[in-house]
C-alpha cells in the first residue's frame, strides 16, 4: 500500500507532466463545476489558494468571485510557512 507521501509524489509527477493547455482546459472545467454549486452561489466568504505551476488554476475563479461580490481569503506565506 502506498504511503501518503508516495501518493502525493505520484500526483505531483502527473501534474508536472501536463501541458499548460491541458491545465487550462481542466481548470476551466473545474471552475464551471464550482460556480454552479449552490454552496458557491450562496457563499459570502470563500477561501482559496493562489495557484502556481501546474496546480488547478484559481486566478479566474478568484476574479469571478470578487466580481460577484464574494469576500475571498488567501493564505499568507512567510518564508515557506503558513
Protein backbone atom coordinates (compact mmCIF):
# COMPACT_ATOMS: atom_id res chain seq x y z
CA UNK A 1 0.00 0.00 0.00
CA UNK A 2 1.30 3.44 -0.94
CA UNK A 3 2.08 5.94 1.76
CA UNK A 4 0.57 9.41 1.73
CA UNK A 5 3.97 10.80 0.72
CA UNK A 6 4.23 8.38 -2.21
CA UNK A 7 0.73 9.22 -3.42
CA UNK A 8 1.49 12.95 -3.27
CA UNK A 9 4.70 12.41 -5.22
CA UNK A 10 2.91 10.34 -7.88
CA UNK A 11 0.26 13.02 -8.40
CA UNK A 12 2.86 15.80 -8.41
CA UNK A 13 4.70 13.99 -11.21
CA UNK A 14 1.45 13.60 -13.18
CA UNK A 15 0.68 17.30 -12.75
CA UNK A 16 4.17 18.33 -13.84
CA UNK A 17 3.80 16.21 -16.99
CA UNK A 18 0.66 18.07 -18.10
CA UNK A 19 0.88 20.76 -20.77
CA UNK A 20 -0.22 24.29 -19.91
CA UNK A 21 -3.06 23.86 -22.42
CA UNK A 22 -4.27 20.75 -20.62
CA UNK A 23 -4.08 22.50 -17.23
CA UNK A 24 -6.05 25.46 -18.60
CA UNK A 25 -8.74 23.19 -20.10
CA UNK A 26 -9.16 21.12 -16.95
CA UNK A 27 -9.07 24.21 -14.72
CA UNK A 28 -11.86 25.75 -16.78
CA UNK A 29 -14.00 22.61 -16.37
CA UNK A 30 -13.41 22.63 -12.63
CA UNK A 31 -14.26 26.34 -12.41
CA UNK A 32 -17.57 25.78 -14.20
CA UNK A 33 -18.48 22.99 -11.79
CA UNK A 34 -17.62 25.17 -8.79
CA UNK A 35 -19.54 28.27 -9.89
CA UNK A 36 -22.62 26.12 -10.50
CA UNK A 37 -22.62 24.74 -6.95
CA UNK A 38 -25.34 26.13 -4.69
CA UNK A 39 -22.73 26.34 -1.93
CA UNK A 40 -20.63 28.69 -4.08
CA UNK A 41 -23.63 30.72 -5.22
CA UNK A 42 -24.84 31.21 -1.64
CA UNK A 43 -21.44 31.81 -0.06
CA UNK A 44 -20.43 35.26 1.10
CA UNK A 45 -16.88 34.29 2.12
CA UNK A 46 -14.69 31.86 0.19
CA UNK A 47 -11.18 30.63 0.93
CA UNK A 48 -8.86 29.97 -2.00
CA UNK A 49 -5.26 29.07 -2.63
CA UNK A 50 -3.25 31.06 -5.17
CA UNK A 51 -2.25 28.51 -7.78
CA UNK A 52 1.30 28.14 -9.03
CA UNK A 53 2.82 25.89 -11.63
CA UNK A 54 0.54 23.16 -12.88
CA UNK A 55 -1.93 23.33 -9.99
CA UNK A 56 -5.60 23.84 -10.83
CA UNK A 57 -5.63 27.50 -11.89
CA UNK A 58 -7.58 29.56 -9.38
CA UNK A 59 -6.92 33.07 -10.74
CA UNK A 60 -10.05 33.26 -12.91
CA UNK A 61 -12.19 31.78 -10.15
CA UNK A 62 -10.86 34.33 -7.66
CA UNK A 63 -11.66 37.16 -10.07
CA UNK A 64 -15.12 35.72 -10.74
CA UNK A 65 -15.81 35.53 -7.02
CA UNK A 66 -14.72 39.14 -6.48
CA UNK A 67 -16.78 40.35 -9.46
CA UNK A 68 -19.80 38.64 -7.91
CA UNK A 69 -19.47 40.30 -4.52
CA UNK A 70 -17.80 37.47 -2.65
CA UNK A 71 -15.23 38.09 0.08
CA UNK A 72 -12.15 35.99 -0.53
CA UNK A 73 -9.34 34.80 1.72
CA UNK A 74 -5.92 33.55 0.72
CA UNK A 75 -3.26 32.04 3.00
CA UNK A 76 -0.31 34.26 3.77
CA UNK A 77 3.03 32.51 3.37
CA UNK A 78 6.14 33.87 5.08
CA UNK A 79 9.42 32.05 4.49
CA UNK A 80 7.58 28.92 3.37
CA UNK A 81 5.26 28.78 6.41
CA UNK A 82 1.52 29.47 6.50
